């Protein structure tokens, strides 16, 4: 299993949605008024619970979350509504990844690989299998950079970094459509990385891919996948719930295999159509101008002399196209 330990502890998937009727169970619409969370979560549910950076009750007898009511501060009352856990804007692993990206860009792939190995060693990988890395990273710049970006995707999952990585490396379309930006100068043409960052990195462009809405529901074989909003109508008996993965134990692989088998037995993956009120299949369509951030209307109203970015409406100039070139020397 190639997923890193740090990613495994980042999330806990919910134990499946339950439905009121067969029609609700098989409804592909994205609205959520007909579904409830299993395991007695009832109407308080989500598809994914982020555990990363949390101060878990099973690790700390006095976790830093709750309702801060001295007479009623049990963590079961308000769960993760509030947290006094200190927030880290940047941590050491990201510093190493930033350095690895700079080293690779400067052509020192060997040093970049050493940094990746250092990060993976902390997560439990060993030199026996080259820390789970491909053997040719130090000899190919594109392959090495691709490995670094993948490591950032896994290591920094749910830390708010991925969107900026996608923008900075033009991974929605490879940077091949800058000429479609209204008012873009001729100089806005990608000349490095073979003219297409996606092709250079071996990355499938995100534009055109379906925006998946991943949902796990209770399988038909288990009470027909149906239930209600009371404890007595929950199709899962507490004894059937799979134990959470405990990263403090040495048998991590066997725990993950047990969890996988539980999902295979009790849950079914379902793709919901659209999101919110949109009941159509949706595909990613990241416009080229989105790579360059424009200034919002409210901010412009407070900064009359600041120019708007090319490709965005200048609200201080009758919504004319912006004239500021962020790439100008």
C-alpha atoms as a PDB file:
ATOM      1  CA  UNK A   1       0.000   0.000   0.000  1.00  0.00           C
ATOM      2  CA  UNK A   2       1.687   3.206  -1.183  1.00  0.00           C
ATOM      3  CA  UNK A   3      -0.299   5.683   0.886  1.00  0.00           C
ATOM      4  CA  UNK A   4       1.752   7.220   3.642  1.00  0.00           C
ATOM      5  CA  UNK A   5       1.028   6.951   7.320  1.00  0.00           C
ATOM      6  CA  UNK A   6       0.568  10.710   7.558  1.00  0.00           C
ATOM      7  CA  UNK A   7      -2.275  10.500   5.031  1.00  0.00           C
ATOM      8  CA  UNK A   8      -3.887   7.551   6.809  1.00  0.00           C
ATOM      9  CA  UNK A   9      -4.272   9.543   9.984  1.00  0.00           C
ATOM     10  CA  UNK A  10      -5.448  12.635   8.129  1.00  0.00           C
ATOM     11  CA  UNK A  11      -9.002  11.421   7.653  1.00  0.00           C
ATOM     12  CA  UNK A  12     -11.611   9.074   9.003  1.00  0.00           C
ATOM     13  CA  UNK A  13     -14.353   8.237   6.524  1.00  0.00           C
ATOM     14  CA  UNK A  14     -17.821   8.108   7.981  1.00  0.00           C
ATOM     15  CA  UNK A  15     -19.451   4.713   8.337  1.00  0.00           C
ATOM     16  CA  UNK A  16     -21.903   5.211   5.508  1.00  0.00           C
ATOM     17  CA  UNK A  17     -25.122   7.072   4.895  1.00  0.00           C
ATOM     18  CA  UNK A  18     -28.448   5.380   5.518  1.00  0.00           C
ATOM     19  CA  UNK A  19     -31.675   6.016   3.624  1.00  0.00           C
ATOM     20  CA  UNK A  20     -35.347   6.229   4.496  1.00  0.00           C
ATOM     21  CA  UNK A  21     -36.598   4.321   1.450  1.00  0.00           C
ATOM     22  CA  UNK A  22     -35.390   2.377  -1.556  1.00  0.00           C
ATOM     23  CA  UNK A  23     -36.116   5.422  -3.742  1.00  0.00           C
ATOM     24  CA  UNK A  24     -33.968   7.601  -1.502  1.00  0.00           C
ATOM     25  CA  UNK A  25     -31.258   4.955  -1.367  1.00  0.00           C
ATOM     26  CA  UNK A  26     -30.927   4.870  -5.152  1.00  0.00           C
ATOM     27  CA  UNK A  27     -31.403   8.607  -5.713  1.00  0.00           C
ATOM     28  CA  UNK A  28     -28.346  10.030  -7.527  1.00  0.00           C
ATOM     29  CA  UNK A  29     -29.208  13.636  -6.679  1.00  0.00           C
ATOM     30  CA  UNK A  30     -26.712  15.596  -4.634  1.00  0.00           C
ATOM     31  CA  UNK A  31     -29.104  17.128  -2.131  1.00  0.00           C
ATOM     32  CA  UNK A  32     -28.812  15.736   1.383  1.00  0.00           C
ATOM     33  CA  UNK A  33     -32.349  15.978   2.741  1.00  0.00           C
ATOM     34  CA  UNK A  34     -32.951  12.229   2.485  1.00  0.00           C
ATOM     35  CA  UNK A  35     -29.832  10.845   4.110  1.00  0.00           C
ATOM     36  CA  UNK A  36     -28.560  10.302   7.625  1.00  0.00           C
ATOM     37  CA  UNK A  37     -25.292   9.130   9.082  1.00  0.00           C
ATOM     38  CA  UNK A  38     -24.974   5.562  10.302  1.00  0.00           C
ATOM     39  CA  UNK A  39     -23.365   4.565  13.633  1.00  0.00           C
ATOM     40  CA  UNK A  40     -25.960   6.708  15.413  1.00  0.00           C
ATOM     41  CA  UNK A  41     -24.635   9.905  13.826  1.00  0.00           C
ATOM     42  CA  UNK A  42     -28.165  10.450  12.519  1.00  0.00           C
ATOM     43  CA  UNK A  43     -28.569  13.924  10.984  1.00  0.00           C
ATOM     44  CA  UNK A  44     -25.135  15.036  12.201  1.00  0.00           C
ATOM     45  CA  UNK A  45     -22.893  13.524   9.585  1.00  0.00           C
ATOM     46  CA  UNK A  46     -20.271  14.169   6.954  1.00  0.00           C
ATOM     47  CA  UNK A  47     -18.511  12.090   4.341  1.00  0.00           C
ATOM     48  CA  UNK A  48     -15.052  12.748   5.713  1.00  0.00           C
ATOM     49  CA  UNK A  49     -13.884  13.738   9.171  1.00  0.00           C
ATOM     50  CA  UNK A  50     -10.474  15.384   9.268  1.00  0.00           C
ATOM     51  CA  UNK A  51      -8.438  14.061  12.183  1.00  0.00           C
ATOM     52  CA  UNK A  52      -5.142  15.569  11.130  1.00  0.00           C
ATOM     53  CA  UNK A  53      -3.774  18.025  13.707  1.00  0.00           C
ATOM     54  CA  UNK A  54      -6.678  17.176  16.017  1.00  0.00           C
ATOM     55  CA  UNK A  55      -6.255  16.594  19.728  1.00  0.00           C
ATOM     56  CA  UNK A  56      -7.993  13.227  19.900  1.00  0.00           C
ATOM     57  CA  UNK A  57      -9.687  12.001  23.056  1.00  0.00           C
ATOM     58  CA  UNK A  58      -8.150   8.546  22.605  1.00  0.00           C
ATOM     59  CA  UNK A  59      -4.684  10.115  22.715  1.00  0.00           C
ATOM     60  CA  UNK A  60      -5.190  12.816  25.318  1.00  0.00           C
ATOM     61  CA  UNK A  61      -7.422  12.354  28.368  1.00  0.00           C
ATOM     62  CA  UNK A  62      -7.998  16.131  28.442  1.00  0.00           C
ATOM     63  CA  UNK A  63      -8.325  17.124  24.772  1.00  0.00           C
ATOM     64  CA  UNK A  64      -8.438  20.771  23.845  1.00  0.00           C
ATOM     65  CA  UNK A  65     -11.954  20.734  22.437  1.00  0.00           C
ATOM     66  CA  UNK A  66     -15.493  20.835  23.790  1.00  0.00           C
ATOM     67  CA  UNK A  67     -18.030  23.516  24.625  1.00  0.00           C
ATOM     68  CA  UNK A  68     -15.823  25.184  27.280  1.00  0.00           C
ATOM     69  CA  UNK A  69     -18.607  24.891  29.830  1.00  0.00           C
ATOM     70  CA  UNK A  70     -17.021  23.952  33.147  1.00  0.00           C
ATOM     71  CA  UNK A  71     -20.110  22.021  34.204  1.00  0.00           C
ATOM     72  CA  UNK A  72     -20.707  20.342  30.853  1.00  0.00           C
ATOM     73  CA  UNK A  73     -17.432  20.069  29.005  1.00  0.00           C
ATOM     74  CA  UNK A  74     -17.492  16.427  27.999  1.00  0.00           C
ATOM     75  CA  UNK A  75     -16.134  16.014  24.457  1.00  0.00           C
ATOM     76  CA  UNK A  76     -19.216  14.035  23.452  1.00  0.00           C
ATOM     77  CA  UNK A  77     -21.431  17.097  23.757  1.00  0.00           C
ATOM     78  CA  UNK A  78     -20.080  19.445  21.122  1.00  0.00           C
ATOM     79  CA  UNK A  79     -17.392  17.307  19.536  1.00  0.00           C
ATOM     80  CA  UNK A  80     -15.137  19.432  17.357  1.00  0.00           C
ATOM     81  CA  UNK A  81     -17.204  22.621  17.452  1.00  0.00           C
ATOM     82  CA  UNK A  82     -14.362  24.401  19.225  1.00  0.00           C
ATOM     83  CA  UNK A  83     -10.682  23.661  19.605  1.00  0.00           C
ATOM     84  CA  UNK A  84      -7.833  25.269  21.493  1.00  0.00           C
ATOM     85  CA  UNK A  85      -5.262  23.209  19.620  1.00  0.00           C
ATOM     86  CA  UNK A  86      -2.529  25.593  18.392  1.00  0.00           C
ATOM     87  CA  UNK A  87      -2.633  26.067  14.615  1.00  0.00           C
ATOM     88  CA  UNK A  88       0.536  25.543  12.591  1.00  0.00           C
ATOM     89  CA  UNK A  89       0.796  27.630   9.433  1.00  0.00           C
ATOM     90  CA  UNK A  90       3.945  25.831   8.326  1.00  0.00           C
ATOM     91  CA  UNK A  91       5.754  22.822   9.695  1.00  0.00           C
ATOM     92  CA  UNK A  92       9.136  21.189   9.190  1.00  0.00           C
ATOM     93  CA  UNK A  93       7.974  18.667   6.584  1.00  0.00           C
ATOM     94  CA  UNK A  94       6.808  21.513   4.342  1.00  0.00           C
ATOM     95  CA  UNK A  95      10.137  23.280   4.785  1.00  0.00           C
ATOM     96  CA  UNK A  96      11.874  20.123   3.549  1.00  0.00           C
ATOM     97  CA  UNK A  97       9.464  19.818   0.620  1.00  0.00           C
ATOM     98  CA  UNK A  98      10.008  23.463  -0.350  1.00  0.00           C
ATOM     99  CA  UNK A  99      13.762  22.865  -0.245  1.00  0.00           C
ATOM    100  CA  UNK A 100      13.397  19.674  -2.297  1.00  0.00           C
ATOM    101  CA  UNK A 101      11.430  21.528  -4.971  1.00  0.00           C
ATOM    102  CA  UNK A 102      14.079  24.265  -5.104  1.00  0.00           C
ATOM    103  CA  UNK A 103      16.900  21.715  -5.246  1.00  0.00           C
ATOM    104  CA  UNK A 104      15.237  19.832  -8.098  1.00  0.00           C
ATOM    105  CA  UNK A 105      14.598  23.062  -9.977  1.00  0.00           C
ATOM    106  CA  UNK A 106      18.294  23.929  -9.609  1.00  0.00           C
ATOM    107  CA  UNK A 107      19.270  20.531 -11.003  1.00  0.00           C
ATOM    108  CA  UNK A 108      20.413  18.910  -7.738  1.00  0.00           C
ATOM    109  CA  UNK A 109      18.025  15.969  -7.901  1.00  0.00           C
ATOM    110  CA  UNK A 110      20.204  13.811  -5.635  1.00  0.00           C
ATOM    111  CA  UNK A 111      19.751  16.250  -2.755  1.00  0.00           C
ATOM    112  CA  UNK A 112      16.030  16.549  -3.498  1.00  0.00           C
ATOM    113  CA  UNK A 113      15.702  12.756  -3.254  1.00  0.00           C
ATOM    114  CA  UNK A 114      17.560  12.770   0.077  1.00  0.00           C
ATOM    115  CA  UNK A 115      14.983  15.199   1.433  1.00  0.00           C
ATOM    116  CA  UNK A 116      12.110  13.009   0.232  1.00  0.00           C
ATOM    117  CA  UNK A 117      13.749  10.006   1.882  1.00  0.00           C
ATOM    118  CA  UNK A 118      14.057  11.960   5.137  1.00  0.00           C
ATOM    119  CA  UNK A 119      10.351  12.748   5.142  1.00  0.00           C
ATOM    120  CA  UNK A 120       9.375   9.174   4.361  1.00  0.00           C
ATOM    121  CA  UNK A 121      11.726   7.730   6.977  1.00  0.00           C
ATOM    122  CA  UNK A 122       9.815   9.674   9.611  1.00  0.00           C
ATOM    123  CA  UNK A 123       6.590   8.100   8.310  1.00  0.00           C
ATOM    124  CA  UNK A 124       7.944   4.551   8.625  1.00  0.00           C
ATOM    125  CA  UNK A 125       9.527   3.820   5.251  1.00  0.00           C
ATOM    126  CA  UNK A 126      13.009   2.265   5.197  1.00  0.00           C
ATOM    127  CA  UNK A 127      15.979   2.030   2.857  1.00  0.00           C
ATOM    128  CA  UNK A 128      15.079  -1.595   2.114  1.00  0.00           C
ATOM    129  CA  UNK A 129      12.744  -0.475  -0.683  1.00  0.00           C
ATOM    130  CA  UNK A 130      14.270   2.969  -1.297  1.00  0.00           C
ATOM    131  CA  UNK A 131      11.688   4.499   1.028  1.00  0.00           C
ATOM    132  CA  UNK A 132       8.922   3.599  -1.407  1.00  0.00           C
ATOM    133  CA  UNK A 133      10.363   5.915  -4.085  1.00  0.00           C
ATOM    134  CA  UNK A 134      11.157   5.138  -7.722  1.00  0.00           C
ATOM    135  CA  UNK A 135      14.802   4.350  -8.339  1.00  0.00           C
ATOM    136  CA  UNK A 136      15.346   6.826 -11.192  1.00  0.00           C
ATOM    137  CA  UNK A 137      14.392  10.077  -9.460  1.00  0.00           C
ATOM    138  CA  UNK A 138      17.929  11.455  -9.238  1.00  0.00           C
ATOM    139  CA  UNK A 139      18.491  10.960 -12.958  1.00  0.00           C
ATOM    140  CA  UNK A 140      15.399  12.609 -14.413  1.00  0.00           C
ATOM    141  CA  UNK A 141      14.346  16.136 -13.478  1.00  0.00           C
ATOM    142  CA  UNK A 142      10.716  15.835 -14.558  1.00  0.00           C
ATOM    143  CA  UNK A 143      10.240  12.528 -12.749  1.00  0.00           C
ATOM    144  CA  UNK A 144      11.874  13.925  -9.621  1.00  0.00           C
ATOM    145  CA  UNK A 145       9.684  17.055  -9.628  1.00  0.00           C
ATOM    146  CA  UNK A 146       6.582  14.952 -10.187  1.00  0.00           C
ATOM    147  CA  UNK A 147       7.519  12.831  -7.159  1.00  0.00           C
ATOM    148  CA  UNK A 148       7.964  15.967  -5.050  1.00  0.00           C
ATOM    149  CA  UNK A 149       4.533  17.292  -6.026  1.00  0.00           C
ATOM    150  CA  UNK A 150       2.979  13.917  -5.249  1.00  0.00           C
ATOM    151  CA  UNK A 151       4.719  13.911  -1.880  1.00  0.00           C
ATOM    152  CA  UNK A 152       3.278  17.364  -1.180  1.00  0.00           C
ATOM    153  CA  UNK A 153      -0.189  16.091  -2.115  1.00  0.00           C
ATOM    154  CA  UNK A 154       0.054  13.226   0.398  1.00  0.00           C
ATOM    155  CA  UNK A 155       2.094  14.796   3.183  1.00  0.00           C
ATOM    156  CA  UNK A 156       0.188  18.087   3.222  1.00  0.00           C
ATOM    157  CA  UNK A 157      -3.289  16.648   2.692  1.00  0.00           C
ATOM    158  CA  UNK A 158      -6.035  18.784   4.292  1.00  0.00           C
ATOM    159  CA  UNK A 159      -3.578  21.571   5.132  1.00  0.00           C
ATOM    160  CA  UNK A 160      -4.741  24.005   2.443  1.00  0.00           C
ATOM    161  CA  UNK A 161      -1.681  23.675   0.204  1.00  0.00           C
ATOM    162  CA  UNK A 162      -2.894  21.687  -2.788  1.00  0.00           C
ATOM    163  CA  UNK A 163      -4.785  24.485  -4.569  1.00  0.00           C
ATOM    164  CA  UNK A 164      -1.690  26.684  -4.688  1.00  0.00           C
ATOM    165  CA  UNK A 165       0.407  23.766  -5.944  1.00  0.00           C
ATOM    166  CA  UNK A 166      -2.094  23.183  -8.752  1.00  0.00           C
ATOM    167  CA  UNK A 167      -2.031  26.868  -9.689  1.00  0.00           C
ATOM    168  CA  UNK A 168       1.729  27.347  -9.500  1.00  0.00           C
ATOM    169  CA  UNK A 169       2.379  24.318 -11.715  1.00  0.00           C
ATOM    170  CA  UNK A 170      -0.541  25.063 -14.084  1.00  0.00           C
ATOM    171  CA  UNK A 171      -1.957  21.583 -13.573  1.00  0.00           C
ATOM    172  CA  UNK A 172      -5.461  22.358 -14.789  1.00  0.00           C
ATOM    173  CA  UNK A 173      -4.446  22.625 -18.446  1.00  0.00           C
ATOM    174  CA  UNK A 174      -0.653  22.648 -18.522  1.00  0.00           C
ATOM    175  CA  UNK A 175      -0.569  26.385 -19.172  1.00  0.00           C
ATOM    176  CA  UNK A 176      -1.388  26.079 -22.861  1.00  0.00           C
ATOM    177  CA  UNK A 177      -4.309  28.523 -22.998  1.00  0.00           C
ATOM    178  CA  UNK A 178      -2.919  31.833 -21.799  1.00  0.00           C
ATOM    179  CA  UNK A 179      -3.691  33.313 -25.229  1.00  0.00           C
ATOM    180  CA  UNK A 180      -7.392  32.933 -24.373  1.00  0.00           C
ATOM    181  CA  UNK A 181      -7.143  35.457 -21.522  1.00  0.00           C
ATOM    182  CA  UNK A 182      -8.706  38.747 -22.579  1.00  0.00           C
ATOM    183  CA  UNK A 183      -5.933  41.309 -22.994  1.00  0.00           C
ATOM    184  CA  UNK A 184      -3.073  38.872 -22.386  1.00  0.00           C
ATOM    185  CA  UNK A 185       0.182  40.081 -23.987  1.00  0.00           C
ATOM    186  CA  UNK A 186       2.088  37.884 -26.394  1.00  0.00           C
ATOM    187  CA  UNK A 187       4.712  37.337 -23.705  1.00  0.00           C
ATOM    188  CA  UNK A 188       2.208  35.204 -21.773  1.00  0.00           C
ATOM    189  CA  UNK A 189       3.302  32.052 -23.556  1.00  0.00           C
ATOM    190  CA  UNK A 190       4.769  29.101 -21.716  1.00  0.00           C
ATOM    191  CA  UNK A 191       8.222  28.447 -23.123  1.00  0.00           C
ATOM    192  CA  UNK A 192       9.685  26.086 -20.530  1.00  0.00           C
ATOM    193  CA  UNK A 193       8.740  22.540 -19.564  1.00  0.00           C
ATOM    194  CA  UNK A 194       8.176  21.636 -23.185  1.00  0.00           C
ATOM    195  CA  UNK A 195       5.359  24.193 -23.390  1.00  0.00           C
ATOM    196  CA  UNK A 196       3.057  22.087 -21.220  1.00  0.00           C
ATOM    197  CA  UNK A 197       3.692  21.417 -17.528  1.00  0.00           C
ATOM    198  CA  UNK A 198       1.204  18.543 -17.412  1.00  0.00           C
ATOM    199  CA  UNK A 199       2.908  16.703 -20.252  1.00  0.00           C
ATOM    200  CA  UNK A 200       6.344  17.394 -18.766  1.00  0.00           C
ATOM    201  CA  UNK A 201       5.335  16.060 -15.343  1.00  0.00           C
ATOM    202  CA  UNK A 202       3.252  13.173 -16.678  1.00  0.00           C
ATOM    203  CA  UNK A 203       0.153  14.608 -14.985  1.00  0.00           C
ATOM    204  CA  UNK A 204      -3.347  14.254 -16.420  1.00  0.00           C
ATOM    205  CA  UNK A 205      -4.822  17.791 -16.713  1.00  0.00           C
ATOM    206  CA  UNK A 206      -7.645  18.383 -14.250  1.00  0.00           C
ATOM    207  CA  UNK A 207      -9.794  20.288 -16.735  1.00  0.00           C
ATOM    208  CA  UNK A 208     -12.421  17.994 -18.186  1.00  0.00           C
ATOM    209  CA  UNK A 209     -12.226  15.517 -15.350  1.00  0.00           C
ATOM    210  CA  UNK A 210     -15.397  14.789 -13.427  1.00  0.00           C
ATOM    211  CA  UNK A 211     -15.867  16.432 -10.069  1.00  0.00           C
ATOM    212  CA  UNK A 212     -16.498  13.307  -8.025  1.00  0.00           C
ATOM    213  CA  UNK A 213     -18.750  13.448  -4.993  1.00  0.00           C
ATOM    214  CA  UNK A 214     -17.690  10.377  -3.033  1.00  0.00           C
ATOM    215  CA  UNK A 215     -20.319   8.830  -0.802  1.00  0.00           C
ATOM    216  CA  UNK A 216     -20.397   5.508   0.977  1.00  0.00           C
ATOM    217  CA  UNK A 217     -23.824   4.158   1.876  1.00  0.00           C
ATOM    218  CA  UNK A 218     -24.868   1.029   3.726  1.00  0.00           C
ATOM    219  CA  UNK A 219     -24.976  -1.965   1.377  1.00  0.00           C
ATOM    220  CA  UNK A 220     -28.273  -3.446   0.208  1.00  0.00           C
ATOM    221  CA  UNK A 221     -27.406  -6.750   1.888  1.00  0.00           C
ATOM    222  CA  UNK A 222     -27.364  -5.045   5.280  1.00  0.00           C
ATOM    223  CA  UNK A 223     -30.954  -4.148   6.158  1.00  0.00           C
ATOM    224  CA  UNK A 224     -31.454  -3.094   2.519  1.00  0.00           C
ATOM    225  CA  UNK A 225     -29.254  -0.088   3.253  1.00  0.00           C
ATOM    226  CA  UNK A 226     -32.205   1.602   4.940  1.00  0.00           C
ATOM    227  CA  UNK A 227     -32.667   3.256   8.299  1.00  0.00           C
ATOM    228  CA  UNK A 228     -34.019   6.293  10.102  1.00  0.00           C
ATOM    229  CA  UNK A 229     -33.120   9.082  12.459  1.00  0.00           C
ATOM    230  CA  UNK A 230     -33.418   7.176  15.720  1.00  0.00           C
ATOM    231  CA  UNK A 231     -30.933   4.907  17.389  1.00  0.00           C
ATOM    232  CA  UNK A 232     -33.299   1.943  17.100  1.00  0.00           C
ATOM    233  CA  UNK A 233     -33.550   2.297  13.316  1.00  0.00           C
ATOM    234  CA  UNK A 234     -29.803   2.483  12.708  1.00  0.00           C
ATOM    235  CA  UNK A 235     -28.892  -0.551  10.545  1.00  0.00           C
ATOM    236  CA  UNK A 236     -25.533  -0.801  12.307  1.00  0.00           C
ATOM    237  CA  UNK A 237     -25.378  -2.396  15.703  1.00  0.00           C
ATOM    238  CA  UNK A 238     -22.560  -0.859  17.798  1.00  0.00           C
ATOM    239  CA  UNK A 239     -20.851  -4.266  17.869  1.00  0.00           C
ATOM    240  CA  UNK A 240     -20.603  -4.221  14.067  1.00  0.00           C
ATOM    241  CA  UNK A 241     -18.734  -0.970  13.824  1.00  0.00           C
ATOM    242  CA  UNK A 242     -15.120  -1.366  12.726  1.00  0.00           C
ATOM    243  CA  UNK A 243     -12.491  -0.099  15.159  1.00  0.00           C
ATOM    244  CA  UNK A 244     -10.702   3.083  14.146  1.00  0.00           C
ATOM    245  CA  UNK A 245      -7.132   2.812  12.923  1.00  0.00           C
ATOM    246  CA  UNK A 246      -4.704   3.408  15.789  1.00  0.00           C
ATOM    247  CA  UNK A 247      -1.379   4.721  14.486  1.00  0.00           C
ATOM    248  CA  UNK A 248       0.311   4.047  17.812  1.00  0.00           C
ATOM    249  CA  UNK A 249       0.133   0.297  17.234  1.00  0.00           C
ATOM    250  CA  UNK A 250       2.689  -1.636  15.219  1.00  0.00           C
ATOM    251  CA  UNK A 251       0.151  -3.640  13.192  1.00  0.00           C
ATOM    252  CA  UNK A 252      -0.874  -0.718  10.971  1.00  0.00           C
ATOM    253  CA  UNK A 253      -1.104  -2.798   7.776  1.00  0.00           C
ATOM    254  CA  UNK A 254      -3.376  -5.386   9.377  1.00  0.00           C
ATOM    255  CA  UNK A 255      -5.600  -2.626  10.795  1.00  0.00           C
ATOM    256  CA  UNK A 256      -5.909  -1.063   7.345  1.00  0.00           C
ATOM    257  CA  UNK A 257      -6.723  -4.465   5.822  1.00  0.00           C
ATOM    258  CA  UNK A 258      -9.422  -5.007   8.449  1.00  0.00           C
ATOM    259  CA  UNK A 259     -10.902  -1.596   7.683  1.00  0.00           C
ATOM    260  CA  UNK A 260     -10.817  -2.312   3.940  1.00  0.00           C
ATOM    261  CA  UNK A 261     -12.617  -5.628   4.417  1.00  0.00           C
ATOM    262  CA  UNK A 262     -15.243  -3.940   6.597  1.00  0.00           C
ATOM    263  CA  UNK A 263     -15.940  -1.370   3.890  1.00  0.00           C
ATOM    264  CA  UNK A 264     -16.207  -4.128   1.281  1.00  0.00           C
ATOM    265  CA  UNK A 265     -18.701  -6.043   3.428  1.00  0.00           C
ATOM    266  CA  UNK A 266     -20.905  -3.286   4.785  1.00  0.00           C
ATOM    267  CA  UNK A 267     -20.663  -0.285   2.456  1.00  0.00           C
ATOM    268  CA  UNK A 268     -21.195   0.579  -1.200  1.00  0.00           C
ATOM    269  CA  UNK A 269     -19.572   3.487  -2.999  1.00  0.00           C
ATOM    270  CA  UNK A 270     -22.017   5.776  -4.731  1.00  0.00           C
ATOM    271  CA  UNK A 271     -21.404   8.718  -7.041  1.00  0.00           C
ATOM    272  CA  UNK A 272     -23.845  11.549  -6.478  1.00  0.00           C
ATOM    273  CA  UNK A 273     -24.829  13.727  -9.393  1.00  0.00           C
ATOM    274  CA  UNK A 274     -23.923  17.399  -9.281  1.00  0.00           C
ATOM    275  CA  UNK A 275     -23.677  19.488  -6.158  1.00  0.00           C
ATOM    276  CA  UNK A 276     -26.140  21.688  -4.309  1.00  0.00           C
ATOM    277  CA  UNK A 277     -29.056  22.499  -6.594  1.00  0.00           C
ATOM    278  CA  UNK A 278     -27.212  21.489  -9.752  1.00  0.00           C
ATOM    279  CA  UNK A 279     -28.270  17.965 -10.689  1.00  0.00           C
ATOM    280  CA  UNK A 280     -25.986  17.620 -13.713  1.00  0.00           C
ATOM    281  CA  UNK A 281     -22.698  15.769 -14.000  1.00  0.00           C
ATOM    282  CA  UNK A 282     -20.034  18.421 -13.444  1.00  0.00           C
ATOM    283  CA  UNK A 283     -16.547  18.593 -14.896  1.00  0.00           C
ATOM    284  CA  UNK A 284     -13.675  20.827 -13.856  1.00  0.00           C
ATOM    285  CA  UNK A 285     -13.377  23.955 -16.011  1.00  0.00           C
ATOM    286  CA  UNK A 286     -10.595  26.107 -14.564  1.00  0.00           C
ATOM    287  CA  UNK A 287     -10.327  29.217 -16.759  1.00  0.00           C
ATOM    288  CA  UNK A 288      -6.813  30.381 -17.716  1.00  0.00           C
ATOM    289  CA  UNK A 289      -7.281  33.755 -16.011  1.00  0.00           C
ATOM    290  CA  UNK A 290      -7.778  31.985 -12.685  1.00  0.00           C
ATOM    291  CA  UNK A 291      -4.037  31.350 -12.544  1.00  0.00           C
ATOM    292  CA  UNK A 292      -3.643  35.091 -11.905  1.00  0.00           C
ATOM    293  CA  UNK A 293      -5.648  36.339  -8.951  1.00  0.00           C
ATOM    294  CA  UNK A 294      -7.810  39.381  -9.559  1.00  0.00           C
ATOM    295  CA  UNK A 295      -8.680  42.012  -6.961  1.00  0.00           C
ATOM    296  CA  UNK A 296     -12.241  41.674  -5.554  1.00  0.00           C
ATOM    297  CA  UNK A 297     -14.700  44.538  -5.988  1.00  0.00           C
ATOM    298  CA  UNK A 298     -14.742  45.418  -2.253  1.00  0.00           C
ATOM    299  CA  UNK A 299     -10.969  45.598  -2.121  1.00  0.00           C
ATOM    300  CA  UNK A 300     -10.847  47.764  -5.228  1.00  0.00           C
ATOM    301  CA  UNK A 301     -13.367  50.179  -3.769  1.00  0.00           C
ATOM    302  CA  UNK A 302     -10.929  50.815  -0.918  1.00  0.00           C
ATOM    303  CA  UNK A 303      -7.900  51.118  -3.188  1.00  0.00           C
ATOM    304  CA  UNK A 304      -8.837  53.475  -6.012  1.00  0.00           C
ATOM    305  CA  UNK A 305      -5.325  53.719  -7.415  1.00  0.00           C
ATOM    306  CA  UNK A 306      -4.529  49.989  -7.521  1.00  0.00           C
ATOM    307  CA  UNK A 307      -4.702  48.515 -11.014  1.00  0.00           C
ATOM    308  CA  UNK A 308      -6.690  45.389 -11.746  1.00  0.00           C
ATOM    309  CA  UNK A 309      -4.989  42.262 -13.120  1.00  0.00           C
ATOM    310  CA  UNK A 310      -5.227  41.570 -16.851  1.00  0.00           C
ATOM    311  CA  UNK A 311      -8.189  39.291 -17.558  1.00  0.00           C
ATOM    312  CA  UNK A 312     -10.330  40.617 -14.699  1.00  0.00           C
ATOM    313  CA  UNK A 313     -12.930  43.383 -14.571  1.00  0.00           C
ATOM    314  CA  UNK A 314     -11.626  46.705 -13.272  1.00  0.00           C
ATOM    315  CA  UNK A 315     -14.511  48.003 -11.139  1.00  0.00           C
ATOM    316  CA  UNK A 316     -12.812  51.373 -10.776  1.00  0.00           C
ATOM    317  CA  UNK A 317     -12.803  51.789 -14.548  1.00  0.00           C
ATOM    318  CA  UNK A 318     -16.306  50.875 -15.631  1.00  0.00           C
ATOM    319  CA  UNK A 319     -15.591  47.123 -15.497  1.00  0.00           C
ATOM    320  CA  UNK A 320     -13.053  47.442 -18.308  1.00  0.00           C
ATOM    321  CA  UNK A 321     -10.411  44.765 -18.592  1.00  0.00           C
ATOM    322  CA  UNK A 322      -7.581  45.065 -16.078  1.00  0.00           C
ATOM    323  CA  UNK A 323      -4.211  46.369 -17.239  1.00  0.00           C
ATOM    324  CA  UNK A 324      -1.780  45.173 -14.576  1.00  0.00           C
ATOM    325  CA  UNK A 325       0.691  42.595 -15.885  1.00  0.00           C
ATOM    326  CA  UNK A 326       1.833  40.420 -12.947  1.00  0.00           C
ATOM    327  CA  UNK A 327       4.547  38.857 -15.119  1.00  0.00           C
ATOM    328  CA  UNK A 328       6.120  42.106 -16.286  1.00  0.00           C
ATOM    329  CA  UNK A 329       9.722  42.604 -15.270  1.00  0.00           C
END
